Amino acid sequence: MTHHHAHHDHDHGHSHAGHHHTPANYSRAFAIGLALNVGFVGVEVVFGYLANSVALLADAGHNLSDVLGLVLAWGASVLAQRQPSSRYTYGWRRSSILAAFLNAVFLLVVTGGLAWESIQRFSRPDEVQGGLIIVVAAIGIAINTATALMFVSGRKQDLNIRAAFSHMAADALVSAGVVLAGIGILTTRWVWLDPAFSLVISALIIGGTWQLLKDSFNLAIDAVPDAIDERAVKAYLAERPGVEQVHDLHIWGMSTTETALTAHLVIPEGHPGDAFLVHLCESLQAQFGIAHATIQIELGSANCTCTLTPTTAHP
């Protein structure tokens, strides 16, 4: 619903054209994924130690980071649905952005430690049991693939869900790499393949996590979401009937699924009415995916200039 009210010599239009929409069934996906991965981490630690395999232990460490990542993502998806209050006027929607960012940072730190351990193993290679590695990692492929598939439908709409999906999908590939290391060791007896594959695994994780880190960091500092062209939005607003100037335009992510906008429109002919604001907010939602728009209408009077009006007009 759109609201309009007077405030000093300006008019504001405010719209919530959408609602937070993290699907409720993801709670079930998170619960199943956590149960499977916690159990598998225990299996990998035990058999990685028995097989003396740094690749298996590396995969267990990565899976442990995914367990914590799933906990963060699940917690954030629940918190993001909390209703706004007098203190938290946007609710806890931003927690999903923080969870995605913390997931990326934590994953990179853990991977760095595992890569360092693998490098040290080159100078002191130990015998490993390739057959055991293959069996345990093959189980990991099945578990991680199944978990990833539970998040595949929401990965494009929600960065928080994408973080969960990316970790699980990466783990499936990582486990496949561990299987190849085991086969190589059984075939050639080259024990250095174990730390070598661990380094390859680490490189894949870092490469896959970097974009997630970048996207979540940008949202955390209120950058314009990648899916939105700020210049196109400004041009669209400037082309509305009667609009002479657009200034103080801000576009940012309220959460990993919702985008907000504020803008000042200078319309010398006077306020165009509530119907104009309703249509404008609905159009911003339909064309750009901006669900929470706040528009301030100004007349451009020389006697009452908005304090946020730029001294030099921007293109």
C-alpha atoms as a PDB file:
ATOM      1  CA  MET A   1       0.000   0.000   0.000  1.00  0.00           C
ATOM      2  CA  THR A   2       1.296   3.490  -0.844  1.00  0.00           C
ATOM      3  CA  HIS A   3       1.169   6.323   1.663  1.00  0.00           C
ATOM      4  CA  HIS A   4       1.506  10.056   1.134  1.00  0.00           C
ATOM      5  CA  HIS A   5       1.983  12.825   3.647  1.00  0.00           C
ATOM      6  CA  ALA A   6       3.232  16.395   3.823  1.00  0.00           C
ATOM      7  CA  HIS A   7       6.491  17.198   5.564  1.00  0.00           C
ATOM      8  CA  HIS A   8       7.791  20.765   5.604  1.00  0.00           C
ATOM      9  CA  ASP A   9       7.433  21.951   1.998  1.00  0.00           C
ATOM     10  CA  HIS A  10       7.899  18.575   0.395  1.00  0.00           C
ATOM     11  CA  ASP A  11       5.753  15.537  -0.308  1.00  0.00           C
ATOM     12  CA  HIS A  12       6.748  11.914   0.163  1.00  0.00           C
ATOM     13  CA  GLY A  13       5.518   8.731  -1.426  1.00  0.00           C
ATOM     14  CA  HIS A  14       6.299   5.459   0.278  1.00  0.00           C
ATOM     15  CA  SER A  15       5.615   1.942  -0.914  1.00  0.00           C
ATOM     16  CA  HIS A  16       6.172  -1.661   0.158  1.00  0.00           C
ATOM     17  CA  ALA A  17       5.632  -3.422  -3.134  1.00  0.00           C
ATOM     18  CA  GLY A  18       6.777  -6.774  -1.877  1.00  0.00           C
ATOM     19  CA  HIS A  19       7.504  -8.893   1.141  1.00  0.00           C
ATOM     20  CA  HIS A  20      10.432 -10.910   2.307  1.00  0.00           C
ATOM     21  CA  HIS A  21      10.009 -14.246   0.598  1.00  0.00           C
ATOM     22  CA  THR A  22      12.512 -16.786   1.862  1.00  0.00           C
ATOM     23  CA  PRO A  23      10.529 -19.997   1.289  1.00  0.00           C
ATOM     24  CA  ALA A  24       9.497 -21.677   4.536  1.00  0.00           C
ATOM     25  CA  ASN A  25      10.472 -25.116   3.227  1.00  0.00           C
ATOM     26  CA  TYR A  26      14.143 -24.114   3.346  1.00  0.00           C
ATOM     27  CA  SER A  27      14.014 -24.736   7.094  1.00  0.00           C
ATOM     28  CA  ARG A  28      13.492 -28.415   6.302  1.00  0.00           C
ATOM     29  CA  ALA A  29      16.324 -28.298   3.766  1.00  0.00           C
ATOM     30  CA  PHE A  30      18.637 -26.699   6.329  1.00  0.00           C
ATOM     31  CA  ALA A  31      17.719 -29.286   8.980  1.00  0.00           C
ATOM     32  CA  ILE A  32      18.321 -32.242   6.630  1.00  0.00           C
ATOM     33  CA  GLY A  33      21.527 -30.723   5.259  1.00  0.00           C
ATOM     34  CA  LEU A  34      22.895 -30.104   8.743  1.00  0.00           C
ATOM     35  CA  ALA A  35      22.103 -33.626   9.935  1.00  0.00           C
ATOM     36  CA  LEU A  36      23.767 -35.217   6.902  1.00  0.00           C
ATOM     37  CA  ASN A  37      26.861 -33.025   7.020  1.00  0.00           C
ATOM     38  CA  VAL A  38      27.443 -33.242  10.777  1.00  0.00           C
ATOM     39  CA  GLY A  39      27.359 -37.021  10.518  1.00  0.00           C
ATOM     40  CA  PHE A  40      29.667 -37.033   7.521  1.00  0.00           C
ATOM     41  CA  VAL A  41      32.195 -34.682   9.140  1.00  0.00           C
ATOM     42  CA  GLY A  42      32.540 -37.193  11.988  1.00  0.00           C
ATOM     43  CA  VAL A  43      33.053 -40.037   9.517  1.00  0.00           C
ATOM     44  CA  GLU A  44      35.700 -38.124   7.561  1.00  0.00           C
ATOM     45  CA  VAL A  45      37.658 -37.090  10.645  1.00  0.00           C
ATOM     46  CA  VAL A  46      37.805 -40.650  11.948  1.00  0.00           C
ATOM     47  CA  PHE A  47      38.706 -42.299   8.653  1.00  0.00           C
ATOM     48  CA  GLY A  48      40.954 -39.442   7.533  1.00  0.00           C
ATOM     49  CA  TYR A  49      43.002 -39.987  10.688  1.00  0.00           C
ATOM     50  CA  LEU A  50      43.041 -43.769  10.207  1.00  0.00           C
ATOM     51  CA  ALA A  51      44.005 -43.399   6.524  1.00  0.00           C
ATOM     52  CA  ASN A  52      46.555 -40.676   7.338  1.00  0.00           C
ATOM     53  CA  SER A  53      45.042 -38.575   4.536  1.00  0.00           C
ATOM     54  CA  VAL A  54      45.400 -34.799   4.561  1.00  0.00           C
ATOM     55  CA  ALA A  55      43.037 -34.651   1.576  1.00  0.00           C
ATOM     56  CA  LEU A  56      40.320 -36.398   3.573  1.00  0.00           C
ATOM     57  CA  LEU A  57      40.963 -34.237   6.625  1.00  0.00           C
ATOM     58  CA  ALA A  58      40.941 -31.171   4.365  1.00  0.00           C
ATOM     59  CA  ASP A  59      37.564 -32.205   3.027  1.00  0.00           C
ATOM     60  CA  ALA A  60      36.333 -32.776   6.599  1.00  0.00           C
ATOM     61  CA  GLY A  61      37.507 -29.296   7.582  1.00  0.00           C
ATOM     62  CA  HIS A  62      35.729 -27.812   4.609  1.00  0.00           C
ATOM     63  CA  ASN A  63      32.571 -29.732   5.450  1.00  0.00           C
ATOM     64  CA  LEU A  64      32.794 -28.476   9.028  1.00  0.00           C
ATOM     65  CA  SER A  65      32.925 -24.914   7.729  1.00  0.00           C
ATOM     66  CA  ASP A  66      29.833 -25.720   5.679  1.00  0.00           C
ATOM     67  CA  VAL A  67      28.056 -26.998   8.788  1.00  0.00           C
ATOM     68  CA  LEU A  68      28.735 -23.665  10.474  1.00  0.00           C
ATOM     69  CA  GLY A  69      27.791 -21.913   7.247  1.00  0.00           C
ATOM     70  CA  LEU A  70      24.466 -23.718   7.120  1.00  0.00           C
ATOM     71  CA  VAL A  71      23.811 -22.735  10.747  1.00  0.00           C
ATOM     72  CA  LEU A  72      24.544 -19.085   9.912  1.00  0.00           C
ATOM     73  CA  ALA A  73      22.421 -19.135   6.766  1.00  0.00           C
ATOM     74  CA  TRP A  74      19.527 -20.876   8.514  1.00  0.00           C
ATOM     75  CA  GLY A  75      19.642 -18.501  11.467  1.00  0.00           C
ATOM     76  CA  ALA A  76      19.736 -15.486   9.167  1.00  0.00           C
ATOM     77  CA  SER A  77      16.799 -16.731   7.075  1.00  0.00           C
ATOM     78  CA  VAL A  78      14.745 -17.020  10.281  1.00  0.00           C
ATOM     79  CA  LEU A  79      15.857 -13.654  11.691  1.00  0.00           C
ATOM     80  CA  ALA A  80      15.197 -11.923   8.361  1.00  0.00           C
ATOM     81  CA  GLN A  81      11.498 -12.726   8.725  1.00  0.00           C
ATOM     82  CA  ARG A  82      11.147 -11.025  12.117  1.00  0.00           C
ATOM     83  CA  GLN A  83       8.712  -8.132  12.121  1.00  0.00           C
ATOM     84  CA  PRO A  84      10.026  -4.539  12.389  1.00  0.00           C
ATOM     85  CA  SER A  85       9.978  -2.905  15.816  1.00  0.00           C
ATOM     86  CA  SER A  86      10.420   0.603  17.181  1.00  0.00           C
ATOM     87  CA  ARG A  87      14.159  -0.095  17.520  1.00  0.00           C
ATOM     88  CA  TYR A  88      14.717  -2.303  14.461  1.00  0.00           C
ATOM     89  CA  THR A  89      12.560  -0.418  11.979  1.00  0.00           C
ATOM     90  CA  TYR A  90      13.583  -2.667   9.079  1.00  0.00           C
ATOM     91  CA  GLY A  91      13.373  -5.803  11.199  1.00  0.00           C
ATOM     92  CA  TRP A  92      16.366  -8.148  11.013  1.00  0.00           C
ATOM     93  CA  ARG A  93      16.450  -8.456   7.234  1.00  0.00           C
ATOM     94  CA  ARG A  94      20.081  -7.384   7.003  1.00  0.00           C
ATOM     95  CA  SER A  95      21.170 -10.438   8.986  1.00  0.00           C
ATOM     96  CA  SER A  96      21.006 -12.459   5.753  1.00  0.00           C
ATOM     97  CA  ILE A  97      23.658 -10.164   4.215  1.00  0.00           C
ATOM     98  CA  LEU A  98      25.909 -10.486   7.265  1.00  0.00           C
ATOM     99  CA  ALA A  99      25.518 -14.272   7.231  1.00  0.00           C
ATOM    100  CA  ALA A 100      26.529 -14.503   3.571  1.00  0.00           C
ATOM    101  CA  PHE A 101      29.564 -12.275   4.195  1.00  0.00           C
ATOM    102  CA  LEU A 102      30.662 -14.182   7.320  1.00  0.00           C
ATOM    103  CA  ASN A 103      30.233 -17.455   5.438  1.00  0.00           C
ATOM    104  CA  ALA A 104      32.571 -16.276   2.696  1.00  0.00           C
ATOM    105  CA  VAL A 105      35.198 -14.922   5.115  1.00  0.00           C
ATOM    106  CA  PHE A 106      35.153 -18.029   7.293  1.00  0.00           C
ATOM    107  CA  LEU A 107      35.431 -20.339   4.318  1.00  0.00           C
ATOM    108  CA  LEU A 108      38.447 -18.462   2.945  1.00  0.00           C
ATOM    109  CA  VAL A 109      40.222 -18.518   6.329  1.00  0.00           C
ATOM    110  CA  VAL A 110      39.662 -22.260   6.781  1.00  0.00           C
ATOM    111  CA  THR A 111      40.770 -22.974   3.224  1.00  0.00           C
ATOM    112  CA  GLY A 112      43.952 -20.950   3.713  1.00  0.00           C
ATOM    113  CA  GLY A 113      44.858 -23.045   6.734  1.00  0.00           C
ATOM    114  CA  LEU A 114      44.234 -26.285   4.873  1.00  0.00           C
ATOM    115  CA  ALA A 115      46.317 -25.115   1.912  1.00  0.00           C
ATOM    116  CA  TRP A 116      49.217 -24.319   4.249  1.00  0.00           C
ATOM    117  CA  GLU A 117      49.026 -27.792   5.784  1.00  0.00           C
ATOM    118  CA  SER A 118      49.059 -29.327   2.309  1.00  0.00           C
ATOM    119  CA  ILE A 119      52.171 -27.348   1.334  1.00  0.00           C
ATOM    120  CA  GLN A 120      53.965 -28.592   4.452  1.00  0.00           C
ATOM    121  CA  ARG A 121      53.024 -32.175   3.601  1.00  0.00           C
ATOM    122  CA  PHE A 122      55.107 -31.998   0.385  1.00  0.00           C
ATOM    123  CA  SER A 123      58.296 -31.927   2.485  1.00  0.00           C
ATOM    124  CA  ARG A 124      57.170 -34.878   4.636  1.00  0.00           C
ATOM    125  CA  PRO A 125      54.833 -37.107   2.585  1.00  0.00           C
ATOM    126  CA  ASP A 126      53.306 -40.049   4.480  1.00  0.00           C
ATOM    127  CA  GLU A 127      51.696 -43.250   3.323  1.00  0.00           C
ATOM    128  CA  VAL A 128      47.941 -43.005   2.836  1.00  0.00           C
ATOM    129  CA  GLN A 129      45.257 -45.600   2.242  1.00  0.00           C
ATOM    130  CA  GLY A 130      43.890 -44.746  -1.167  1.00  0.00           C
ATOM    131  CA  GLY A 131      41.075 -47.290  -1.058  1.00  0.00           C
ATOM    132  CA  LEU A 132      39.633 -45.905   2.176  1.00  0.00           C
ATOM    133  CA  ILE A 133      39.855 -42.362   0.816  1.00  0.00           C
ATOM    134  CA  ILE A 134      37.842 -43.352  -2.256  1.00  0.00           C
ATOM    135  CA  VAL A 135      35.037 -44.980  -0.264  1.00  0.00           C
ATOM    136  CA  VAL A 136      34.604 -42.114   2.229  1.00  0.00           C
ATOM    137  CA  ALA A 137      34.834 -39.386  -0.433  1.00  0.00           C
ATOM    138  CA  ALA A 138      32.299 -41.197  -2.622  1.00  0.00           C
ATOM    139  CA  ILE A 139      29.840 -41.037   0.271  1.00  0.00           C
ATOM    140  CA  GLY A 140      30.592 -37.315   0.444  1.00  0.00           C
ATOM    141  CA  ILE A 141      29.693 -36.841  -3.213  1.00  0.00           C
ATOM    142  CA  ALA A 142      26.247 -38.332  -2.591  1.00  0.00           C
ATOM    143  CA  ILE A 143      25.591 -36.339   0.608  1.00  0.00           C
ATOM    144  CA  ASN A 144      26.799 -32.987  -0.722  1.00  0.00           C
ATOM    145  CA  THR A 145      24.990 -33.356  -4.030  1.00  0.00           C
ATOM    146  CA  ALA A 146      21.741 -34.205  -2.270  1.00  0.00           C
ATOM    147  CA  THR A 147      22.111 -31.206   0.052  1.00  0.00           C
ATOM    148  CA  ALA A 148      22.973 -28.833  -2.803  1.00  0.00           C
ATOM    149  CA  LEU A 149      19.909 -29.895  -4.775  1.00  0.00           C
ATOM    150  CA  MET A 150      17.677 -28.807  -1.888  1.00  0.00           C
ATOM    151  CA  PHE A 151      18.895 -25.214  -2.335  1.00  0.00           C
ATOM    152  CA  VAL A 152      19.194 -25.094  -6.124  1.00  0.00           C
ATOM    153  CA  SER A 153      15.808 -23.421  -6.714  1.00  0.00           C
ATOM    154  CA  GLY A 154      16.541 -20.371  -4.549  1.00  0.00           C
ATOM    155  CA  ARG A 155      20.156 -19.681  -5.440  1.00  0.00           C
ATOM    156  CA  LYS A 156      19.387 -16.951  -8.000  1.00  0.00           C
ATOM    157  CA  GLN A 157      16.948 -14.963  -5.860  1.00  0.00           C
ATOM    158  CA  ASP A 158      18.722 -15.042  -2.488  1.00  0.00           C
ATOM    159  CA  LEU A 159      22.449 -14.544  -1.853  1.00  0.00           C
ATOM    160  CA  ASN A 160      22.083 -16.261   1.513  1.00  0.00           C
ATOM    161  CA  ILE A 161      20.633 -19.392  -0.113  1.00  0.00           C
ATOM    162  CA  ARG A 162      23.272 -19.114  -2.831  1.00  0.00           C
ATOM    163  CA  ALA A 163      25.973 -19.283  -0.156  1.00  0.00           C
ATOM    164  CA  ALA A 164      24.500 -22.530   1.158  1.00  0.00           C
ATOM    165  CA  PHE A 165      24.132 -23.965  -2.351  1.00  0.00           C
ATOM    166  CA  SER A 166      27.650 -22.925  -3.403  1.00  0.00           C
ATOM    167  CA  HIS A 167      29.244 -24.587  -0.397  1.00  0.00           C
ATOM    168  CA  MET A 168      27.398 -27.843  -0.953  1.00  0.00           C
ATOM    169  CA  ALA A 169      28.026 -27.908  -4.714  1.00  0.00           C
ATOM    170  CA  ALA A 170      31.717 -27.122  -4.134  1.00  0.00           C
ATOM    171  CA  ASP A 171      31.886 -29.947  -1.612  1.00  0.00           C
ATOM    172  CA  ALA A 172      30.528 -32.406  -4.167  1.00  0.00           C
ATOM    173  CA  LEU A 173      33.319 -31.376  -6.561  1.00  0.00           C
ATOM    174  CA  VAL A 174      35.862 -31.456  -3.760  1.00  0.00           C
ATOM    175  CA  SER A 175      34.857 -35.006  -2.839  1.00  0.00           C
ATOM    176  CA  ALA A 176      35.207 -35.958  -6.504  1.00  0.00           C
ATOM    177  CA  GLY A 177      38.746 -34.573  -6.380  1.00  0.00           C
ATOM    178  CA  VAL A 178      39.509 -36.651  -3.308  1.00  0.00           C
ATOM    179  CA  VAL A 179      38.287 -39.753  -5.133  1.00  0.00           C
ATOM    180  CA  LEU A 180      40.673 -38.969  -8.001  1.00  0.00           C
ATOM    181  CA  ALA A 181      43.542 -38.533  -5.517  1.00  0.00           C
ATOM    182  CA  GLY A 182      42.770 -41.936  -4.014  1.00  0.00           C
ATOM    183  CA  ILE A 183      42.647 -43.600  -7.426  1.00  0.00           C
ATOM    184  CA  GLY A 184      45.943 -41.956  -8.363  1.00  0.00           C
ATOM    185  CA  ILE A 185      47.645 -43.143  -5.191  1.00  0.00           C
ATOM    186  CA  LEU A 186      46.398 -46.707  -5.668  1.00  0.00           C
ATOM    187  CA  THR A 187      47.580 -46.717  -9.279  1.00  0.00           C
ATOM    188  CA  THR A 188      50.950 -44.966  -9.004  1.00  0.00           C
ATOM    189  CA  ARG A 189      51.863 -45.082  -5.298  1.00  0.00           C
ATOM    190  CA  TRP A 190      52.681 -41.400  -5.604  1.00  0.00           C
ATOM    191  CA  VAL A 191      51.793 -40.222  -2.105  1.00  0.00           C
ATOM    192  CA  TRP A 192      52.422 -36.594  -3.080  1.00  0.00           C
ATOM    193  CA  LEU A 193      49.158 -36.718  -5.016  1.00  0.00           C
ATOM    194  CA  ASP A 194      47.332 -36.382  -1.679  1.00  0.00           C
ATOM    195  CA  PRO A 195      48.642 -32.893  -0.780  1.00  0.00           C
ATOM    196  CA  ALA A 196      48.635 -31.929  -4.477  1.00  0.00           C
ATOM    197  CA  PHE A 197      44.922 -32.613  -4.796  1.00  0.00           C
ATOM    198  CA  SER A 198      44.367 -30.780  -1.502  1.00  0.00           C
ATOM    199  CA  LEU A 199      45.949 -27.673  -3.020  1.00  0.00           C
ATOM    200  CA  VAL A 200      43.780 -28.019  -6.117  1.00  0.00           C
ATOM    201  CA  ILE A 201      40.749 -28.353  -3.851  1.00  0.00           C
ATOM    202  CA  SER A 202      41.768 -25.222  -1.944  1.00  0.00           C
ATOM    203  CA  ALA A 203      42.189 -23.267  -5.174  1.00  0.00           C
ATOM    204  CA  LEU A 204      38.720 -24.330  -6.358  1.00  0.00           C
ATOM    205  CA  ILE A 205      37.150 -23.295  -3.050  1.00  0.00           C
ATOM    206  CA  ILE A 206      38.861 -19.902  -3.061  1.00  0.00           C
ATOM    207  CA  GLY A 207      37.874 -19.292  -6.681  1.00  0.00           C
ATOM    208  CA  GLY A 208      34.266 -20.225  -6.029  1.00  0.00           C
ATOM    209  CA  THR A 209      34.043 -18.212  -2.819  1.00  0.00           C
ATOM    210  CA  TRP A 210      35.574 -14.978  -4.082  1.00  0.00           C
ATOM    211  CA  GLN A 211      32.462 -13.798  -5.945  1.00  0.00           C
ATOM    212  CA  LEU A 212      30.289 -14.588  -2.942  1.00  0.00           C
ATOM    213  CA  LEU A 213      32.617 -12.518  -0.740  1.00  0.00           C
ATOM    214  CA  LYS A 214      32.535  -9.636  -3.206  1.00  0.00           C
ATOM    215  CA  ASP A 215      28.743  -9.669  -3.610  1.00  0.00           C
ATOM    216  CA  SER A 216      28.024  -9.920   0.111  1.00  0.00           C
ATOM    217  CA  PHE A 217      30.554  -7.190   0.952  1.00  0.00           C
ATOM    218  CA  ASN A 218      28.979  -4.854  -1.594  1.00  0.00           C
ATOM    219  CA  LEU A 219      25.548  -5.421  -0.069  1.00  0.00           C
ATOM    220  CA  ALA A 220      26.970  -4.894   3.434  1.00  0.00           C
ATOM    221  CA  ILE A 221      28.233  -1.412   2.513  1.00  0.00           C
ATOM    222  CA  ASP A 222      24.987  -0.459   0.733  1.00  0.00           C
ATOM    223  CA  ALA A 223      26.278  -0.695  -2.820  1.00  0.00           C
ATOM    224  CA  VAL A 224      23.736  -0.859  -5.630  1.00  0.00           C
ATOM    225  CA  PRO A 225      22.903  -4.577  -6.165  1.00  0.00           C
ATOM    226  CA  ASP A 226      24.570  -6.049  -9.250  1.00  0.00           C
ATOM    227  CA  ALA A 227      21.230  -6.863 -10.863  1.00  0.00           C
ATOM    228  CA  ILE A 228      20.209  -3.186 -10.948  1.00  0.00           C
ATOM    229  CA  ASP A 229      21.529  -0.482 -13.279  1.00  0.00           C
ATOM    230  CA  GLU A 230      21.509   2.762 -11.262  1.00  0.00           C
ATOM    231  CA  ARG A 231      21.726   4.901 -14.405  1.00  0.00           C
ATOM    232  CA  ALA A 232      18.724   3.144 -15.944  1.00  0.00           C
ATOM    233  CA  VAL A 233      16.689   3.719 -12.770  1.00  0.00           C
ATOM    234  CA  LYS A 234      17.645   7.410 -12.692  1.00  0.00           C
ATOM    235  CA  ALA A 235      16.813   7.815 -16.363  1.00  0.00           C
ATOM    236  CA  TYR A 236      13.437   6.143 -15.818  1.00  0.00           C
ATOM    237  CA  LEU A 237      12.591   8.499 -12.931  1.00  0.00           C
ATOM    238  CA  ALA A 238      13.753  11.551 -14.906  1.00  0.00           C
ATOM    239  CA  GLU A 239      11.467  10.616 -17.813  1.00  0.00           C
ATOM    240  CA  ARG A 240       8.301  10.596 -15.684  1.00  0.00           C
ATOM    241  CA  PRO A 241       5.772  13.300 -16.645  1.00  0.00           C
ATOM    242  CA  GLY A 242       6.561  16.655 -15.059  1.00  0.00           C
ATOM    243  CA  VAL A 243       9.871  15.607 -13.496  1.00  0.00           C
ATOM    244  CA  GLU A 244      12.491  18.296 -14.002  1.00  0.00           C
ATOM    245  CA  GLN A 245      15.287  16.817 -11.902  1.00  0.00           C
ATOM    246  CA  VAL A 246      16.201  13.698  -9.918  1.00  0.00           C
ATOM    247  CA  HIS A 247      18.625  13.956  -7.039  1.00  0.00           C
ATOM    248  CA  ASP A 248      19.681  12.209  -3.824  1.00  0.00           C
ATOM    249  CA  LEU A 249      19.002   8.817  -5.428  1.00  0.00           C
ATOM    250  CA  HIS A 250      20.014   5.839  -3.280  1.00  0.00           C
ATOM    251  CA  ILE A 251      19.566   2.148  -4.085  1.00  0.00           C
ATOM    252  CA  TRP A 252      20.655  -0.584  -1.680  1.00  0.00           C
ATOM    253  CA  GLY A 253      19.894  -4.091  -0.522  1.00  0.00           C
ATOM    254  CA  MET A 254      17.744  -4.307   2.602  1.00  0.00           C
ATOM    255  CA  SER A 255      18.424  -8.048   2.683  1.00  0.00           C
ATOM    256  CA  THR A 256      19.671 -10.701   0.279  1.00  0.00           C
ATOM    257  CA  THR A 257      16.228 -10.716  -1.380  1.00  0.00           C
ATOM    258  CA  GLU A 258      14.878  -7.144  -1.109  1.00  0.00           C
ATOM    259  CA  THR A 259      16.030  -3.860  -2.629  1.00  0.00           C
ATOM    260  CA  ALA A 260      15.177  -0.368  -1.394  1.00  0.00           C
ATOM    261  CA  LEU A 261      15.267   3.040  -3.065  1.00  0.00           C
ATOM    262  CA  THR A 262      14.959   6.664  -1.973  1.00  0.00           C
ATOM    263  CA  ALA A 263      14.903   9.599  -4.382  1.00  0.00           C
ATOM    264  CA  HIS A 264      13.935  13.262  -4.609  1.00  0.00           C
ATOM    265  CA  LEU A 265      11.948  14.284  -7.699  1.00  0.00           C
ATOM    266  CA  VAL A 266      11.648  17.964  -8.587  1.00  0.00           C
ATOM    267  CA  ILE A 267       8.205  18.613 -10.168  1.00  0.00           C
ATOM    268  CA  PRO A 268       7.631  22.412 -10.522  1.00  0.00           C
ATOM    269  CA  GLU A 269       3.974  22.001 -11.562  1.00  0.00           C
ATOM    270  CA  GLY A 270       3.095  20.606  -8.151  1.00  0.00           C
ATOM    271  CA  HIS A 271       2.487  17.244  -6.560  1.00  0.00           C
ATOM    272  CA  PRO A 272       1.099  14.830  -9.202  1.00  0.00           C
ATOM    273  CA  GLY A 273      -1.092  12.945  -6.711  1.00  0.00           C
ATOM    274  CA  ASP A 274      -1.137   9.593  -5.010  1.00  0.00           C
ATOM    275  CA  ALA A 275      -1.992   7.703  -8.215  1.00  0.00           C
ATOM    276  CA  PHE A 276       1.338   8.882  -9.687  1.00  0.00           C
ATOM    277  CA  LEU A 277       3.232   7.532  -6.664  1.00  0.00           C
ATOM    278  CA  VAL A 278       1.373   4.225  -6.661  1.00  0.00           C
ATOM    279  CA  HIS A 279       2.062   3.669 -10.364  1.00  0.00           C
ATOM    280  CA  LEU A 280       5.714   4.741  -9.982  1.00  0.00           C
ATOM    281  CA  CYS A 281       6.373   2.353  -7.095  1.00  0.00           C
ATOM    282  CA  GLU A 282       4.646  -0.515  -8.893  1.00  0.00           C
ATOM    283  CA  SER A 283       6.722   0.177 -12.006  1.00  0.00           C
ATOM    284  CA  LEU A 284       9.974   0.210 -10.012  1.00  0.00           C
ATOM    285  CA  GLN A 285       9.014  -3.195  -8.628  1.00  0.00           C
ATOM    286  CA  ALA A 286       8.034  -4.647 -12.006  1.00  0.00           C
ATOM    287  CA  GLN A 287      10.923  -3.260 -14.076  1.00  0.00           C
ATOM    288  CA  PHE A 288      13.811  -3.203 -11.612  1.00  0.00           C
ATOM    289  CA  GLY A 289      12.813  -5.468  -8.740  1.00  0.00           C
ATOM    290  CA  ILE A 290      12.819  -2.592  -6.234  1.00  0.00           C
ATOM    291  CA  ALA A 291      10.203  -3.528  -3.643  1.00  0.00           C
ATOM    292  CA  HIS A 292      10.665  -0.763  -1.071  1.00  0.00           C
ATOM    293  CA  ALA A 293      10.615   2.718  -2.672  1.00  0.00           C
ATOM    294  CA  THR A 294      10.394   6.072  -0.900  1.00  0.00           C
ATOM    295  CA  ILE A 295       9.874   9.080  -3.199  1.00  0.00           C
ATOM    296  CA  GLN A 296      10.066  12.714  -2.107  1.00  0.00           C
ATOM    297  CA  ILE A 297       8.347  15.269  -4.332  1.00  0.00           C
ATOM    298  CA  GLU A 298       9.747  18.821  -4.437  1.00  0.00           C
ATOM    299  CA  LEU A 299       8.544  21.916  -6.289  1.00  0.00           C
ATOM    300  CA  GLY A 300      12.001  23.354  -6.862  1.00  0.00           C
ATOM    301  CA  SER A 301      11.104  26.701  -5.274  1.00  0.00           C
ATOM    302  CA  ALA A 302      14.000  29.154  -5.038  1.00  0.00           C
ATOM    303  CA  ASN A 303      12.735  30.237  -1.627  1.00  0.00           C
ATOM    304  CA  CYS A 304      12.786  26.720  -0.184  1.00  0.00           C
ATOM    305  CA  THR A 305      15.599  24.681  -1.706  1.00  0.00           C
ATOM    306  CA  CYS A 306      16.151  21.132  -0.531  1.00  0.00           C
ATOM    307  CA  THR A 307      19.351  20.942   1.516  1.00  0.00           C
ATOM    308  CA  LEU A 308      20.333  17.791  -0.412  1.00  0.00           C
ATOM    309  CA  THR A 309      20.029  19.430  -3.845  1.00  0.00           C
ATOM    310  CA  PRO A 310      23.436  19.147  -5.564  1.00  0.00           C
ATOM    311  CA  THR A 311      25.174  22.438  -6.352  1.00  0.00           C
ATOM    312  CA  THR A 312      26.107  21.042  -9.748  1.00  0.00           C
ATOM    313  CA  ALA A 313      23.611  18.951 -11.633  1.00  0.00           C
ATOM    314  CA  HIS A 314      24.715  15.377 -12.243  1.00  0.00           C
ATOM    315  CA  PRO A 315      24.224  13.798 -15.651  1.00  0.00           C
END
